[in-house]
Amino acid sequence: MKKFLLLISASILSWSCTEDVSKDISTDLSQEANQFFRFSEAINESSYLGNISLTEYFRTFPEELPGCPEIIRSPGSRIIELNYSNPQDCQQPNKTLRTGRIILDFTLSNTSNPSWSMTYEKYFFGKTLIDGVRYFVNPSFNENKETFENLQVELEKNLGFVASGSFSYSVARLGSRPFALSTRGRIEGRNPAGRDFSLVITEAKEQSFSCYRDGWELPQRGKENWIISRSPSSSIDYKVRFEQSINCNPVVTSTLPDGRSLQLNP
């Protein structure tokens, strides 16, 4: 009898320890989904800026860009500076606070192999800090490609992502002005928990410039998967859908790894 009681006690103790460990390493799926949504939004919100040409920047007004930044242009220079710490007075339906600067260097954009860069300087999108450089090339008319390495995106509470990736863009124009952007590509990196992840655009993300200029930075259509490593041999994935609504604010829904659905934007 004593042996039996000892075995029961040991089993309870072992089960209790196992439960504690399980709680310690468990991940809140909805919280993780919201973190990845903020990361994806931060990457996406300035992609349009990298697809506007130098010539177009010389005829673009602050109210045509989200946050209404001061646009600093010098006639003898091929560098455009967007100063969000000195926003211009304009009204936008969806205005998110931005501070810092974005520098676009078009020095090599008029060569036989056109290229340019977009650098973040103490740039905040809302409460999210973005730091690093994104590089663009123009392989053909209305087609751009982008690469970046070790781009840092830091959310609130010092939740940091480090990411490298590549995108392909198709720019639709009306006359000489851009009116829509289509994006494909993937990102790889580490999330705030130190786990490896991939973000894969599985259906092109479509973004309207008329919505973008009013401050709506999310794509109106598209799909992407967020794949997060849990161990060297296992991973989970979130399937995300951007669906057009009656206005410029799309409905963004994620199917969580456990099958539940979660709307990610208000």
Protein backbone atom coordinates (compact mmCIF):
# COMPACT_ATOMS: atom_id res chain seq x y z
CA MET A 1 0.00 0.00 0.00
CA LYS A 2 2.81 2.37 0.93
CA LYS A 3 4.55 1.59 -2.37
CA PHE A 4 1.31 2.31 -4.23
CA LEU A 5 0.89 5.69 -2.48
CA LEU A 6 4.50 6.59 -3.24
CA LEU A 7 3.96 5.79 -6.92
CA ILE A 8 0.80 7.95 -7.02
CA SER A 9 2.62 10.84 -5.31
CA ALA A 10 5.53 10.60 -7.75
CA SER A 11 3.14 10.54 -10.70
CA ILE A 12 1.29 13.63 -9.47
CA LEU A 13 4.58 15.46 -8.89
CA SER A 14 5.84 14.50 -12.35
CA TRP A 15 2.54 15.56 -13.99
CA SER A 16 2.60 18.88 -12.09
CA CYS A 17 6.16 19.63 -13.26
CA THR A 18 5.24 18.77 -16.83
CA GLU A 19 2.26 21.12 -16.69
CA ASP A 20 4.43 23.99 -15.39
CA VAL A 21 6.94 23.55 -18.21
CA SER A 22 4.13 23.42 -20.77
CA LYS A 23 2.75 26.73 -19.51
CA ASP A 24 6.18 28.34 -19.58
CA ILE A 25 6.87 27.53 -23.22
CA SER A 26 3.34 27.89 -24.60
CA THR A 27 2.65 30.69 -27.08
CA ASP A 28 -0.49 32.78 -27.25
CA LEU A 29 -1.43 32.32 -30.91
CA SER A 30 -3.58 35.44 -31.16
CA GLN A 31 -0.80 37.53 -29.59
CA GLU A 32 1.78 36.07 -31.99
CA ALA A 33 -0.57 36.74 -34.93
CA ASN A 34 -0.98 40.37 -33.89
CA GLN A 35 2.80 40.81 -33.62
CA PHE A 36 3.32 39.43 -37.13
CA PHE A 37 0.52 41.61 -38.46
CA ARG A 38 2.25 44.72 -37.07
CA PHE A 39 5.52 43.56 -38.59
CA SER A 40 3.93 42.92 -41.99
CA GLU A 41 2.15 46.29 -41.87
CA ALA A 42 5.43 48.09 -41.04
CA ILE A 43 7.21 46.53 -44.02
CA ASN A 44 4.30 47.22 -46.34
CA GLU A 45 3.53 50.82 -45.34
CA SER A 46 6.56 52.38 -47.03
CA SER A 47 6.95 49.97 -49.96
CA TYR A 48 5.02 52.38 -52.18
CA LEU A 49 7.58 55.11 -51.42
CA GLY A 50 10.35 52.97 -52.92
CA ASN A 51 8.37 52.55 -56.13
CA ILE A 52 7.89 56.26 -56.85
CA SER A 53 10.49 57.54 -59.32
CA LEU A 54 12.69 60.60 -58.89
CA THR A 55 10.71 62.45 -61.58
CA GLU A 56 7.45 61.62 -59.83
CA TYR A 57 8.78 62.90 -56.49
CA PHE A 58 9.40 66.30 -58.09
CA ARG A 59 5.70 66.60 -58.85
CA THR A 60 4.37 64.94 -55.69
CA PHE A 61 2.86 67.07 -52.91
CA PRO A 62 3.05 66.26 -49.17
CA GLU A 63 -0.70 65.60 -48.98
CA GLU A 64 -0.28 62.80 -51.52
CA LEU A 65 1.85 60.76 -49.10
CA PRO A 66 0.67 59.22 -45.81
CA GLY A 67 1.71 61.40 -42.87
CA CYS A 68 2.12 64.48 -45.12
CA PRO A 69 5.93 64.67 -44.75
CA GLU A 70 8.01 67.66 -45.73
CA ILE A 71 9.50 66.70 -49.11
CA ILE A 72 13.03 68.08 -49.44
CA ARG A 73 14.24 68.26 -53.06
CA SER A 74 17.34 69.96 -54.43
CA PRO A 75 17.49 70.72 -58.18
CA GLY A 76 21.14 69.64 -58.44
CA SER A 77 20.72 66.50 -56.34
CA ARG A 78 19.17 63.09 -56.96
CA ILE A 79 18.36 62.59 -53.28
CA ILE A 80 14.83 62.98 -51.91
CA GLU A 81 14.31 63.42 -48.18
CA LEU A 82 10.95 62.80 -46.52
CA ASN A 83 10.92 64.56 -43.17
CA TYR A 84 8.10 63.22 -41.01
CA SER A 85 9.26 65.19 -37.98
CA ASN A 86 8.10 68.33 -39.79
CA PRO A 87 4.72 67.23 -41.22
CA GLN A 88 2.86 69.61 -43.46
CA ASP A 89 -0.64 70.84 -42.73
CA CYS A 90 -3.02 68.53 -44.57
CA GLN A 91 -6.06 66.39 -43.89
CA GLN A 92 -6.12 62.63 -44.45
CA PRO A 93 -8.97 60.24 -43.58
CA ASN A 94 -6.60 57.77 -41.89
CA LYS A 95 -3.65 59.61 -40.40
CA THR A 96 -1.06 57.59 -38.46
CA LEU A 97 1.63 59.53 -36.63
CA ARG A 98 5.06 59.16 -38.22
CA THR A 99 8.35 60.72 -37.11
CA GLY A 100 11.93 60.60 -38.37
CA ARG A 101 13.16 60.60 -41.94
CA ILE A 102 13.20 58.42 -45.03
CA ILE A 103 16.02 59.12 -47.50
CA LEU A 104 15.69 58.00 -51.13
CA ASP A 105 18.97 58.05 -53.05
CA PHE A 106 18.45 58.04 -56.83
CA THR A 107 22.11 58.75 -57.69
CA LEU A 108 22.35 55.57 -59.80
CA SER A 109 18.79 55.49 -61.11
CA ASN A 110 19.72 57.00 -64.50
CA THR A 111 22.45 54.44 -65.35
CA SER A 112 22.23 51.47 -67.70
CA ASN A 113 21.32 49.32 -64.68
CA PRO A 114 19.03 51.63 -62.69
CA SER A 115 19.15 51.25 -58.91
CA TRP A 116 18.27 53.30 -55.85
CA SER A 117 17.97 52.92 -52.09
CA MET A 118 15.59 53.85 -49.29
CA THR A 119 17.11 54.47 -45.85
CA TYR A 120 15.24 54.85 -42.56
CA GLU A 121 16.64 57.40 -40.09
CA LYS A 122 15.04 57.18 -36.62
CA TYR A 123 11.79 56.45 -38.41
CA PHE A 124 8.67 55.56 -36.43
CA PHE A 125 5.41 54.36 -37.96
CA GLY A 126 3.06 54.86 -35.04
CA LYS A 127 4.98 53.24 -32.17
CA THR A 128 6.96 50.90 -34.45
CA LEU A 129 10.61 51.71 -35.17
CA ILE A 130 12.03 50.70 -38.57
CA ASP A 131 15.77 50.80 -39.14
CA GLY A 132 17.89 49.78 -42.13
CA VAL A 133 18.21 50.15 -45.89
CA ARG A 134 16.09 48.75 -48.72
CA TYR A 135 17.58 48.42 -52.23
CA PHE A 136 15.69 48.63 -55.53
CA VAL A 137 16.46 47.89 -59.17
CA ASN A 138 14.43 48.45 -62.33
CA PRO A 139 14.84 45.44 -64.68
CA SER A 140 12.06 46.55 -67.05
CA PHE A 141 9.40 49.19 -67.58
CA ASN A 142 6.89 49.25 -64.68
CA GLU A 143 8.70 46.35 -62.96
CA ASN A 144 10.87 46.86 -59.87
CA LYS A 145 12.68 44.43 -57.61
CA GLU A 146 13.77 44.93 -54.01
CA THR A 147 16.17 43.28 -51.57
CA PHE A 148 17.07 44.05 -47.97
CA GLU A 149 19.17 42.43 -45.26
CA ASN A 150 18.97 42.66 -41.49
CA LEU A 151 16.17 45.20 -41.54
CA GLN A 152 15.06 45.84 -37.97
CA VAL A 153 11.45 46.36 -36.97
CA GLU A 154 10.83 47.04 -33.29
CA LEU A 155 7.29 47.03 -31.92
CA GLU A 156 6.17 48.35 -28.56
CA LYS A 157 7.78 46.85 -25.44
CA ASN A 158 11.06 46.29 -27.36
CA LEU A 159 9.62 43.40 -29.38
CA GLY A 160 12.13 43.22 -32.22
CA PHE A 161 12.13 41.48 -35.61
CA VAL A 162 15.26 41.14 -37.77
CA ALA A 163 14.49 40.34 -41.39
CA SER A 164 15.95 39.86 -44.86
CA GLY A 165 13.86 39.54 -47.99
CA SER A 166 13.14 40.14 -51.63
CA PHE A 167 10.09 41.52 -53.44
CA SER A 168 8.96 41.91 -57.04
CA TYR A 169 6.70 44.83 -57.86
CA SER A 170 4.46 45.65 -60.77
CA VAL A 171 3.52 49.33 -60.99
CA ALA A 172 0.30 50.18 -62.86
CA ARG A 173 0.17 53.71 -64.25
CA LEU A 174 -2.46 56.07 -65.54
CA GLY A 175 -0.53 58.21 -67.98
CA SER A 176 2.74 58.87 -66.18
CA ARG A 177 1.30 58.63 -62.66
CA PRO A 178 1.26 55.42 -60.57
CA PHE A 179 -2.19 54.32 -59.44
CA ALA A 180 -1.69 50.74 -58.19
CA LEU A 181 1.06 48.47 -56.88
CA SER A 182 1.19 44.66 -56.99
CA THR A 183 3.68 42.90 -54.69
CA ARG A 184 5.05 39.34 -54.52
CA GLY A 185 7.97 37.93 -52.54
CA ARG A 186 9.13 36.54 -49.22
CA ILE A 187 10.90 37.51 -46.00
CA GLU A 188 12.96 35.41 -43.60
CA GLY A 189 14.26 36.32 -40.18
CA ARG A 190 13.84 36.03 -36.41
CA ASN A 191 10.82 37.10 -34.39
CA PRO A 192 10.79 38.63 -30.87
CA ALA A 193 10.86 35.15 -29.29
CA GLY A 194 14.07 34.33 -31.19
CA ARG A 195 12.34 31.89 -33.53
CA ASP A 196 13.08 31.64 -37.23
CA PHE A 197 10.22 32.64 -39.48
CA SER A 198 9.25 33.09 -43.11
CA LEU A 199 6.63 35.42 -44.56
CA VAL A 200 5.51 34.30 -48.00
CA ILE A 201 3.12 36.25 -50.23
CA THR A 202 1.03 33.46 -51.76
CA GLU A 203 -1.31 35.73 -53.74
CA ALA A 204 -0.14 39.14 -54.96
CA LYS A 205 -0.90 41.99 -52.58
CA GLU A 206 -2.74 44.74 -54.47
CA GLN A 207 -2.54 48.31 -53.24
CA SER A 208 -4.34 51.39 -54.60
CA PHE A 209 -2.47 54.68 -54.71
CA SER A 210 -5.71 56.64 -54.21
CA CYS A 211 -6.19 54.78 -50.90
CA TYR A 212 -2.52 55.09 -49.99
CA ARG A 213 -2.53 58.88 -50.41
CA ASP A 214 -5.44 59.04 -47.93
CA GLY A 215 -3.35 57.21 -45.33
CA TRP A 216 -4.61 53.64 -45.87
CA GLU A 217 -1.35 51.71 -46.16
CA LEU A 218 -2.73 48.14 -46.11
CA PRO A 219 -3.22 46.28 -49.41
CA GLN A 220 -6.80 45.92 -50.55
CA ARG A 221 -6.34 42.33 -51.72
CA GLY A 222 -3.86 39.49 -51.31
CA LYS A 223 -2.76 36.52 -49.23
CA GLU A 224 0.34 35.67 -47.24
CA ASN A 225 1.54 32.88 -44.94
CA TRP A 226 3.55 33.37 -41.77
CA ILE A 227 5.57 30.24 -41.01
CA ILE A 228 7.20 30.11 -37.57
CA SER A 229 9.70 27.50 -36.42
CA ARG A 230 8.90 25.71 -33.17
CA SER A 231 11.86 23.31 -33.26
CA PRO A 232 14.50 22.26 -35.79
CA SER A 233 11.98 19.82 -37.27
CA SER A 234 8.59 21.47 -36.76
CA SER A 235 6.80 24.72 -37.56
CA ILE A 236 3.35 26.26 -37.53
CA ASP A 237 1.75 28.62 -40.00
CA TYR A 238 -0.77 31.43 -40.06
CA LYS A 239 -2.76 31.95 -43.27
CA VAL A 240 -3.63 35.63 -43.80
CA ARG A 241 -6.15 37.13 -46.21
CA PHE A 242 -6.60 40.79 -47.20
CA GLU A 243 -10.11 41.37 -48.55
CA GLN A 244 -11.45 44.56 -50.09
CA SER A 245 -14.23 46.29 -48.17
CA ILE A 246 -16.63 49.07 -49.16
CA ASN A 247 -13.91 51.62 -48.35
CA CYS A 248 -10.10 51.70 -48.38
CA ASN A 249 -9.76 49.80 -45.08
CA PRO A 250 -9.60 46.10 -46.01
CA VAL A 251 -10.67 43.22 -43.80
CA VAL A 252 -7.53 41.35 -42.67
CA THR A 253 -8.19 37.88 -41.30
CA SER A 254 -5.80 35.20 -40.08
CA THR A 255 -6.52 31.51 -39.78
CA LEU A 256 -4.55 30.50 -36.67
CA PRO A 257 -2.64 27.20 -36.48
CA ASP A 258 -5.41 25.76 -34.28
CA GLY A 259 -8.06 26.55 -36.92
CA ARG A 260 -9.61 29.62 -35.30
CA SER A 261 -10.12 32.83 -37.31
CA LEU A 262 -8.97 36.21 -36.04
CA GLN A 263 -9.61 39.64 -37.58
CA LEU A 264 -6.37 41.57 -37.24
CA ASN A 265 -7.35 45.13 -38.11
CA PRO A 266 -10.16 47.25 -36.63
